[in-house]
Amino acid sequence: MKLFPYGHATHPQWQMAAALVLAQLRGYLALPGYAGAPTLALLYITDHYADQAQEILDHLSAELPFITDWSGTVGVGIAANNVEYFDEPALAVMLCELPHDHYRVFSGVSPLPAARSGLFQAHTALVHADAGTPDLAELITEMAQRTQSGYLFGGLASSRSQRVQFALSGHGNLKGHGAACGVFTGGLSGVAFARDASGEMGLMSRVTQGCRPISATYDITACEGNVVTELDGEPALDVMLAALDVSLDQPAEALAKVRSILVGLSRVSDIPMDASRRRSGQFGAEVMVRHLVGLDPSRHGIAIADVPTVGMKLAFCERNAEAARADLIRICAEIREELAPEELPLEVAGAPHPAPAHWTPPLSRRIAGAIYVSCSGRGGPHFGTPSAELQIVRRALGDVPLVGYFAGGEIARNHLCGYTGVLTVFTVPG
């Protein structure tokens, strides 16, 4: 398997942007190091093009007739290798060369078979979803149960107009559902991937947090609906005010501080989950960041944008650019380390010094392509300058094909996250 061809462009007219992207794709397709027979395309557009989504898909499908399957969605911003397009008309496409029996595009008219159904066996899945879908959290959990690993990655469409999704499958639609146009609103869609027993294709995914804890970690010992009433057996509101060092006797100061606070929830035993993260002030990937939506003085409770349960862990946190940058570098380093071989070459291992100055460790596997879904609240100024977030990824992973978008919520495992980034790479033998 070779590198995945990709292209990205911005232009007020979608036809011009599409022409620029097609020119890039055809250029990569002609290069020997890139895949020459891709069948799956990932398409991401900014919401400036949302009303023309069907025209864009029809045009690209006609220009790339060898692509049998399409998936993607819309965002207020989209991502590509080393660049982000925020609040401007743009689109990005990546062409993936995967065996036909190793993936399946799914949607509302062509749903993913249940695990152990005897049909296609999904190991993991890229999921695009509409935030307006009823019982979305339950649907994400149910979708994760349709995979062997229980791991999903992706995010919610984000748009100031239509929240469209792309899902067009060469396997056809279910009988009785008619012909699908490939552009949907509502529900879930995406691509499911089977486990590759041959080792020719692999997937690695990591979650990076954009917030840091500013308090200790507490046990939720009592709650009613979305209101946490007790933390460690004490009134939750009193615990929060003490943690923030504010008082309701000075309401203006207290409210200003509370408005900037978020909460990190976890079902595991520790936030952060290991000593190194605790020292660096970073959350682990298991933490779900939620908004603090209100105070309940009558019950001495705090209302959050989720429905917690007794026994969960809670920590107060805040958005922090330095923590987000450090954690993004961390997950990229983890991916690089996992791609590196465990053994050193004999001439390097036997050298009098750790390694010759000119030597760099080879990779036992390499990246064919990458997908990055980041929170729409992380891009641009949050990292200091436009495209800084994607530049960090490029410096860490190298010049690899990458597309993605800025979501209204990120999907990792079977959870809906916030203020996170989800980086997934396709790997092949080095």
Protein backbone atom coordinates (compact mmCIF):
# COMPACT_ATOMS: atom_id res chain seq x y z
CA MET A 1 0.00 0.00 0.00
CA LYS A 2 1.28 3.45 -0.95
CA LEU A 3 0.60 7.00 0.18
CA PHE A 4 -2.97 8.22 -0.24
CA PRO A 5 -3.42 11.00 -2.83
CA TYR A 6 -5.04 14.10 -1.36
CA GLY A 7 -5.88 17.67 -2.30
CA HIS A 8 -7.30 20.80 -0.71
CA ALA A 9 -8.18 24.29 -1.89
CA THR A 10 -10.18 27.41 -1.13
CA HIS A 11 -12.10 29.56 -3.61
CA PRO A 12 -15.35 31.57 -3.54
CA GLN A 13 -16.65 29.32 -6.34
CA TRP A 14 -16.79 25.62 -5.49
CA GLN A 15 -16.13 24.70 -9.13
CA MET A 16 -12.73 26.40 -9.00
CA ALA A 17 -11.84 24.81 -5.65
CA ALA A 18 -12.85 21.41 -7.04
CA ALA A 19 -10.71 21.94 -10.13
CA LEU A 20 -7.68 22.78 -7.97
CA VAL A 21 -8.25 19.71 -5.79
CA LEU A 22 -8.68 17.44 -8.81
CA ALA A 23 -5.44 18.75 -10.29
CA GLN A 24 -3.59 17.87 -7.06
CA LEU A 25 -5.18 14.42 -6.90
CA ARG A 26 -4.26 13.62 -10.51
CA GLY A 27 -0.73 14.80 -9.90
CA TYR A 28 -0.34 12.45 -6.91
CA LEU A 29 -2.00 9.57 -8.76
CA ALA A 30 0.72 9.82 -11.40
CA LEU A 31 3.55 9.56 -8.87
CA PRO A 32 5.03 6.11 -8.18
CA GLY A 33 4.99 6.58 -4.39
CA TYR A 34 1.25 7.18 -4.27
CA ALA A 35 -1.68 4.81 -4.59
CA GLY A 36 -2.72 4.31 -8.20
CA ALA A 37 -6.00 2.46 -7.71
CA PRO A 38 -7.92 4.01 -4.78
CA THR A 39 -11.61 3.24 -4.34
CA LEU A 40 -12.62 5.13 -1.18
CA ALA A 41 -12.71 8.94 -0.98
CA LEU A 42 -13.03 11.08 2.15
CA LEU A 43 -14.58 14.48 1.38
CA TYR A 44 -14.77 17.41 3.79
CA ILE A 45 -16.22 20.83 2.95
CA THR A 46 -16.69 24.05 4.92
CA ASP A 47 -20.22 25.25 5.53
CA HIS A 48 -19.83 27.91 2.84
CA TYR A 49 -20.39 25.06 0.38
CA ALA A 50 -23.08 23.22 2.36
CA ASP A 51 -25.91 24.26 0.04
CA GLN A 52 -23.95 22.95 -2.95
CA ALA A 53 -23.01 19.62 -1.33
CA GLN A 54 -24.91 17.47 -3.83
CA GLU A 55 -23.45 19.32 -6.81
CA ILE A 56 -19.94 18.95 -5.39
CA LEU A 57 -20.34 15.21 -4.83
CA ASP A 58 -21.87 14.67 -8.28
CA HIS A 59 -19.05 16.61 -9.94
CA LEU A 60 -16.24 14.86 -8.10
CA SER A 61 -17.84 11.45 -8.65
CA ALA A 62 -18.02 12.10 -12.38
CA GLU A 63 -14.41 13.29 -12.51
CA LEU A 64 -13.17 10.32 -10.45
CA PRO A 65 -15.23 7.40 -11.83
CA PHE A 66 -12.88 4.78 -10.33
CA ILE A 67 -13.92 5.88 -6.80
CA THR A 68 -16.80 3.62 -5.77
CA ASP A 69 -17.29 4.82 -2.18
CA TRP A 70 -17.55 8.29 -0.65
CA SER A 71 -17.75 9.48 2.96
CA GLY A 72 -17.39 12.83 4.69
CA THR A 73 -19.21 15.79 6.19
CA VAL A 74 -19.23 19.56 6.69
CA GLY A 75 -17.43 21.74 9.23
CA VAL A 76 -17.06 25.41 10.05
CA GLY A 77 -13.44 24.66 9.23
CA ILE A 78 -11.58 21.86 7.49
CA ALA A 79 -8.06 20.54 7.92
CA ALA A 80 -5.34 19.32 5.61
CA ASN A 81 -1.63 18.66 5.94
CA ASN A 82 -0.08 21.75 7.54
CA VAL A 83 -3.09 24.02 6.95
CA GLU A 84 -6.58 24.77 8.20
CA TYR A 85 -9.37 26.59 6.38
CA PHE A 86 -11.54 28.35 8.92
CA ASP A 87 -14.59 30.42 8.02
CA GLU A 88 -13.78 30.40 4.31
CA PRO A 89 -15.09 28.35 1.35
CA ALA A 90 -12.87 25.27 1.01
CA LEU A 91 -12.86 21.53 0.45
CA ALA A 92 -10.43 18.65 0.97
CA VAL A 93 -10.36 15.14 -0.48
CA MET A 94 -8.22 12.09 0.30
CA LEU A 95 -8.29 8.93 -1.84
CA CYS A 96 -7.72 5.72 0.11
CA GLU A 97 -6.51 2.51 -1.50
CA LEU A 98 -7.91 -0.27 0.69
CA PRO A 99 -9.08 -3.79 -0.20
CA HIS A 100 -12.83 -3.75 -0.91
CA ASP A 101 -13.51 -6.40 1.70
CA HIS A 102 -11.70 -4.36 4.40
CA TYR A 103 -14.14 -1.45 4.63
CA ARG A 104 -17.81 -0.63 4.29
CA VAL A 105 -19.51 2.77 3.93
CA PHE A 106 -22.66 2.97 6.04
CA SER A 107 -25.52 5.42 6.46
CA GLY A 108 -29.20 5.49 7.38
CA VAL A 109 -30.15 3.71 4.15
CA SER A 110 -27.26 1.26 4.33
CA PRO A 111 -26.60 0.60 8.04
CA LEU A 112 -23.65 -1.26 9.46
CA PRO A 113 -24.41 -4.94 10.20
CA ALA A 114 -24.42 -5.98 13.84
CA ALA A 115 -21.26 -7.56 15.22
CA ARG A 116 -21.19 -11.34 14.88
CA SER A 117 -24.02 -11.17 12.32
CA GLY A 118 -22.10 -13.35 9.86
CA LEU A 119 -21.89 -10.43 7.41
CA PHE A 120 -19.17 -7.74 7.28
CA GLN A 121 -17.23 -7.74 10.56
CA ALA A 122 -16.31 -4.18 11.55
CA HIS A 123 -13.32 -3.78 13.85
CA THR A 124 -13.56 0.02 14.17
CA ALA A 125 -15.32 2.86 12.37
CA LEU A 126 -15.00 6.47 11.29
CA VAL A 127 -18.29 8.12 12.26
CA HIS A 128 -19.85 11.41 11.15
CA ALA A 129 -22.99 12.47 13.00
CA ASP A 130 -25.61 15.22 13.23
CA ALA A 131 -25.84 16.89 16.65
CA GLY A 132 -29.60 17.31 16.18
CA THR A 133 -30.19 13.56 16.09
CA PRO A 134 -32.38 12.39 19.01
CA ASP A 135 -30.66 10.09 21.52
CA LEU A 136 -27.32 10.68 19.83
CA ALA A 137 -25.20 9.45 22.75
CA GLU A 138 -27.14 6.18 22.82
CA LEU A 139 -26.76 5.79 19.05
CA ILE A 140 -22.99 6.25 19.33
CA THR A 141 -22.85 3.61 22.06
CA GLU A 142 -24.94 1.24 19.93
CA MET A 143 -22.72 1.88 16.93
CA ALA A 144 -19.63 1.05 18.99
CA GLN A 145 -21.26 -2.25 19.93
CA ARG A 146 -21.46 -3.09 16.22
CA THR A 147 -17.66 -3.14 16.07
CA GLN A 148 -15.35 -5.80 17.46
CA SER A 149 -13.09 -3.30 19.25
CA GLY A 150 -15.83 -0.99 20.53
CA TYR A 151 -13.70 1.92 19.30
CA LEU A 152 -15.10 4.70 17.10
CA PHE A 153 -13.41 7.88 15.89
CA GLY A 154 -14.85 10.93 14.16
CA GLY A 155 -17.12 13.80 15.13
CA LEU A 156 -20.26 15.84 14.67
CA ALA A 157 -20.91 17.96 11.62
CA SER A 158 -20.58 21.68 12.37
CA SER A 159 -22.32 24.23 10.19
CA ARG A 160 -24.18 27.51 10.27
CA SER A 161 -26.49 26.18 7.56
CA GLN A 162 -27.09 22.55 6.56
CA ARG A 163 -25.31 19.82 8.56
CA VAL A 164 -24.74 17.52 5.60
CA GLN A 165 -22.99 14.17 5.46
CA PHE A 166 -21.60 12.29 2.47
CA ALA A 167 -22.17 8.54 2.25
CA LEU A 168 -22.19 6.74 -1.06
CA SER A 169 -21.49 3.02 -1.18
CA GLY A 170 -20.48 0.80 -4.06
CA HIS A 171 -22.07 -2.08 -2.16
CA GLY A 172 -25.49 -0.57 -2.87
CA ASN A 173 -28.38 0.31 -0.58
CA LEU A 174 -30.80 -1.86 1.29
CA LYS A 175 -33.68 -3.27 -0.72
CA GLY A 176 -36.72 -1.03 -0.56
CA HIS A 177 -34.85 2.17 0.28
CA GLY A 178 -34.54 3.36 -3.29
CA ALA A 179 -31.52 5.06 -4.81
CA ALA A 180 -29.49 7.18 -2.42
CA CYS A 181 -28.12 10.50 -3.62
CA GLY A 182 -25.11 10.29 -1.30
CA VAL A 183 -25.88 13.46 0.68
CA PHE A 184 -27.72 13.11 4.00
CA THR A 185 -28.80 15.17 6.99
CA GLY A 186 -29.46 13.67 10.41
CA GLY A 187 -28.31 10.40 11.93
CA LEU A 188 -24.93 8.75 11.56
CA SER A 189 -22.79 7.76 8.60
CA GLY A 190 -19.18 6.88 7.97
CA VAL A 191 -16.80 4.06 7.12
CA ALA A 192 -16.31 0.83 9.05
CA PHE A 193 -12.97 -0.96 8.81
CA ALA A 194 -12.30 -4.68 9.25
CA ARG A 195 -9.25 -6.02 11.04
CA ASP A 196 -6.46 -6.82 8.57
CA ALA A 197 -5.07 -10.19 9.64
CA SER A 198 -2.33 -9.96 7.00
CA GLY A 199 -0.83 -6.85 8.60
CA GLU A 200 -0.83 -4.94 5.31
CA MET A 201 -3.08 -2.20 6.69
CA GLY A 202 -3.39 -0.93 10.25
CA LEU A 203 -5.17 1.88 12.09
CA MET A 204 -3.89 3.84 15.08
CA SER A 205 -5.96 6.47 16.86
CA ARG A 206 -5.19 8.86 19.71
CA VAL A 207 -7.19 11.52 21.58
CA THR A 208 -5.70 14.84 22.65
CA GLN A 209 -7.29 17.07 25.27
CA GLY A 210 -7.59 20.85 25.08
CA CYS A 211 -8.21 21.49 28.79
CA ARG A 212 -6.22 21.11 31.98
CA PRO A 213 -7.45 20.36 35.50
CA ILE A 214 -7.39 23.18 38.05
CA SER A 215 -8.67 21.21 41.03
CA ALA A 216 -8.35 17.86 42.74
CA THR A 217 -10.38 14.89 41.51
CA TYR A 218 -13.62 14.20 43.36
CA ASP A 219 -16.01 11.27 43.57
CA ILE A 220 -19.60 12.06 42.61
CA THR A 221 -21.47 10.75 45.65
CA ALA A 222 -24.95 12.14 44.87
CA CYS A 223 -26.66 13.55 41.78
CA GLU A 224 -30.14 14.18 40.40
CA GLY A 225 -30.47 14.30 36.62
CA ASN A 226 -27.78 16.66 35.37
CA VAL A 227 -27.27 18.27 38.80
CA VAL A 228 -24.37 17.05 40.91
CA THR A 229 -25.33 17.57 44.53
CA GLU A 230 -22.41 15.95 46.38
CA LEU A 231 -18.69 15.56 45.75
CA ASP A 232 -16.77 13.36 48.21
CA GLY A 233 -19.82 13.50 50.47
CA GLU A 234 -19.80 17.32 50.65
CA PRO A 235 -22.21 19.78 48.97
CA ALA A 236 -20.98 20.08 45.38
CA LEU A 237 -21.46 23.85 45.16
CA ASP A 238 -19.41 24.40 48.33
CA VAL A 239 -16.65 22.12 46.99
CA MET A 240 -16.51 24.04 43.72
CA LEU A 241 -16.40 27.46 45.36
CA ALA A 242 -13.59 26.30 47.65
CA ALA A 243 -11.66 24.81 44.72
CA LEU A 244 -11.97 28.07 42.78
CA ASP A 245 -11.26 30.20 45.88
CA VAL A 246 -14.34 32.37 45.35
CA SER A 247 -17.40 33.19 47.47
CA LEU A 248 -21.04 33.97 46.66
CA ASP A 249 -20.65 36.95 49.00
CA GLN A 250 -18.87 38.54 46.04
CA PRO A 251 -21.23 37.40 43.26
CA ALA A 252 -19.67 39.36 40.37
CA GLU A 253 -16.21 37.90 40.96
CA ALA A 254 -17.60 34.42 41.58
CA LEU A 255 -19.76 34.36 38.45
CA ALA A 256 -16.92 35.65 36.27
CA LYS A 257 -14.74 32.78 37.47
CA VAL A 258 -17.48 30.16 37.20
CA ARG A 259 -18.30 31.14 33.61
CA SER A 260 -14.78 30.19 32.53
CA ILE A 261 -14.88 26.77 34.18
CA LEU A 262 -15.60 23.37 32.64
CA VAL A 263 -15.79 19.95 34.25
CA GLY A 264 -13.94 16.77 33.33
CA LEU A 265 -15.87 13.54 33.87
CA SER A 266 -14.45 10.06 33.91
CA ARG A 267 -15.58 6.55 34.76
CA VAL A 268 -12.05 5.38 35.57
CA SER A 269 -10.25 5.55 38.87
CA ASP A 270 -8.03 8.56 38.33
CA ILE A 271 -7.95 11.93 36.55
CA PRO A 272 -5.30 12.31 35.16
CA MET A 273 -4.82 8.58 34.87
CA ASP A 274 -1.08 8.39 35.52
CA ALA A 275 1.58 10.23 37.50
CA SER A 276 3.29 11.76 34.46
CA ARG A 277 0.08 13.38 33.29
CA ARG A 278 -0.69 14.56 36.83
CA ARG A 279 2.70 16.29 37.02
CA SER A 280 2.24 17.91 33.61
CA GLY A 281 -1.30 19.04 34.38
CA GLN A 282 -2.92 17.12 31.53
CA PHE A 283 -6.07 15.09 31.30
CA GLY A 284 -5.99 11.55 30.02
CA ALA A 285 -7.92 10.40 26.95
CA GLU A 286 -10.62 8.86 29.15
CA VAL A 287 -11.88 12.26 30.35
CA MET A 288 -15.02 13.81 28.86
CA VAL A 289 -15.07 17.62 29.16
CA ARG A 290 -18.51 19.14 29.68
CA HIS A 291 -19.85 22.67 30.19
CA LEU A 292 -20.94 23.91 33.59
CA VAL A 293 -24.46 25.17 32.77
CA GLY A 294 -25.77 26.43 36.10
CA LEU A 295 -25.76 26.59 39.88
CA ASP A 296 -28.47 25.27 42.18
CA PRO A 297 -28.14 27.08 45.55
CA SER A 298 -31.26 25.40 46.98
CA ARG A 299 -29.64 21.96 46.66
CA HIS A 300 -26.06 23.23 46.88
CA GLY A 301 -25.53 21.61 43.48
CA ILE A 302 -23.91 22.32 40.12
CA ALA A 303 -25.60 21.62 36.79
CA ILE A 304 -23.50 20.21 33.96
CA ALA A 305 -24.18 19.48 30.28
CA ASP A 306 -24.40 15.73 30.82
CA VAL A 307 -26.18 13.20 33.01
CA PRO A 308 -23.55 11.86 35.43
CA THR A 309 -23.93 8.86 37.69
CA VAL A 310 -22.82 8.18 41.25
CA GLY A 311 -19.30 6.77 41.28
CA MET A 312 -17.99 8.85 38.39
CA LYS A 313 -14.98 11.13 38.88
CA LEU A 314 -15.15 14.88 38.41
CA ALA A 315 -12.46 17.55 38.18
CA PHE A 316 -12.86 21.25 37.44
CA CYS A 317 -10.86 22.40 34.44
CA GLU A 318 -10.25 25.24 32.00
CA ARG A 319 -9.26 25.58 28.38
CA ASN A 320 -5.53 26.08 28.06
CA ALA A 321 -3.49 26.56 24.91
CA GLU A 322 -0.19 25.38 26.42
CA ALA A 323 -1.76 22.18 27.73
CA ALA A 324 -3.46 21.58 24.38
CA ARG A 325 -0.18 22.08 22.51
CA ALA A 326 1.77 19.79 24.84
CA ASP A 327 -0.86 17.07 24.68
CA LEU A 328 -1.04 17.23 20.87
CA ILE A 329 2.74 16.81 20.70
CA ARG A 330 2.43 13.90 23.12
CA ILE A 331 -0.04 11.89 21.02
CA CYS A 332 1.99 12.49 17.86
CA ALA A 333 5.09 11.28 19.68
CA GLU A 334 3.22 8.17 20.84
CA ILE A 335 2.29 7.37 17.27
CA ARG A 336 5.86 7.86 16.08
CA GLU A 337 7.18 5.66 18.86
CA GLU A 338 4.73 2.89 18.02
CA LEU A 339 5.77 3.04 14.38
CA ALA A 340 9.48 2.69 15.26
CA PRO A 341 11.06 -0.79 15.38
CA GLU A 342 11.85 -2.39 18.72
CA GLU A 343 15.34 -3.51 17.65
CA LEU A 344 18.26 -1.37 16.48
CA PRO A 345 20.36 -2.36 13.48
CA LEU A 346 23.50 -4.31 14.44
CA GLU A 347 25.88 -1.56 13.34
CA VAL A 348 24.02 0.96 15.49
CA ALA A 349 23.59 -1.31 18.53
CA GLY A 350 27.32 -2.16 18.49
CA ALA A 351 28.53 1.39 18.04
CA PRO A 352 30.61 2.90 20.88
CA HIS A 353 28.07 5.75 21.18
CA PRO A 354 24.28 5.44 21.28
CA ALA A 355 24.01 6.14 17.53
CA PRO A 356 25.97 7.84 14.76
CA ALA A 357 25.14 11.50 14.40
CA HIS A 358 23.80 10.99 10.88
CA TRP A 359 21.57 8.05 11.80
CA THR A 360 17.81 8.38 12.32
CA PRO A 361 15.72 5.40 13.41
CA PRO A 362 13.76 3.77 10.58
CA LEU A 363 10.07 3.01 10.94
CA SER A 364 8.83 -0.55 11.02
CA ARG A 365 5.55 0.83 9.70
CA ARG A 366 4.83 4.08 7.93
CA ILE A 367 1.82 6.35 7.59
CA ALA A 368 -0.17 6.11 4.34
CA GLY A 369 -2.69 8.76 5.35
CA ALA A 370 -4.24 10.48 8.36
CA ILE A 371 -7.59 11.88 9.52
CA TYR A 372 -7.73 14.66 12.10
CA VAL A 373 -11.01 15.74 13.72
CA SER A 374 -10.58 18.69 16.06
CA CYS A 375 -13.04 20.74 18.08
CA SER A 376 -14.23 23.92 16.37
CA GLY A 377 -13.22 25.73 19.59
CA ARG A 378 -9.57 24.66 19.22
CA GLY A 379 -8.50 25.89 15.80
CA GLY A 380 -6.94 29.17 14.79
CA PRO A 381 -6.31 31.63 17.63
CA HIS A 382 -6.45 28.98 20.38
CA PHE A 383 -3.01 27.73 19.27
CA GLY A 384 -1.61 31.19 18.68
CA THR A 385 -1.72 31.60 14.92
CA PRO A 386 -3.80 30.27 12.01
CA SER A 387 -2.94 26.66 11.10
CA ALA A 388 -0.66 26.32 14.15
CA GLU A 389 -2.49 23.16 15.26
CA LEU A 390 -1.93 21.43 11.92
CA GLN A 391 1.67 22.63 11.79
CA ILE A 392 2.32 20.87 15.10
CA VAL A 393 0.96 17.65 13.62
CA ARG A 394 3.12 17.99 10.51
CA ARG A 395 6.29 18.66 12.49
CA ALA A 396 5.63 15.56 14.56
CA LEU A 397 4.40 13.12 11.90
CA GLY A 398 6.19 14.45 8.84
CA ASP A 399 4.81 15.36 5.46
CA VAL A 400 1.99 12.80 5.33
CA PRO A 401 -1.38 12.97 3.54
CA LEU A 402 -3.95 14.34 5.97
CA VAL A 403 -7.53 15.61 5.81
CA GLY A 404 -10.14 16.35 8.45
CA TYR A 405 -12.48 18.96 9.84
CA PHE A 406 -13.39 21.04 12.89
CA ALA A 407 -16.37 19.42 14.57
CA GLY A 408 -19.20 20.39 16.88
CA GLY A 409 -18.14 17.52 19.15
CA GLU A 410 -15.64 14.71 18.74
CA ILE A 411 -16.26 10.97 18.86
CA ALA A 412 -13.68 8.73 20.50
CA ARG A 413 -14.31 5.19 21.69
CA ASN A 414 -18.05 5.21 22.45
CA HIS A 415 -18.04 8.73 23.90
CA LEU A 416 -18.97 12.17 22.63
CA CYS A 417 -16.15 14.51 23.66
CA GLY A 418 -15.53 18.25 23.67
CA TYR A 419 -12.46 20.46 23.18
CA THR A 420 -10.48 17.44 21.99
CA GLY A 421 -8.68 16.36 18.85
CA VAL A 422 -8.89 12.82 17.44
CA LEU A 423 -5.93 11.83 15.25
CA THR A 424 -6.13 8.56 13.32
CA VAL A 425 -3.50 7.22 10.93
CA PHE A 426 -3.53 4.44 8.37
CA THR A 427 -0.29 2.46 8.60
CA VAL A 428 1.44 0.05 6.22
CA PRO A 429 4.67 -1.98 6.52
CA GLY A 430 7.75 0.24 6.25
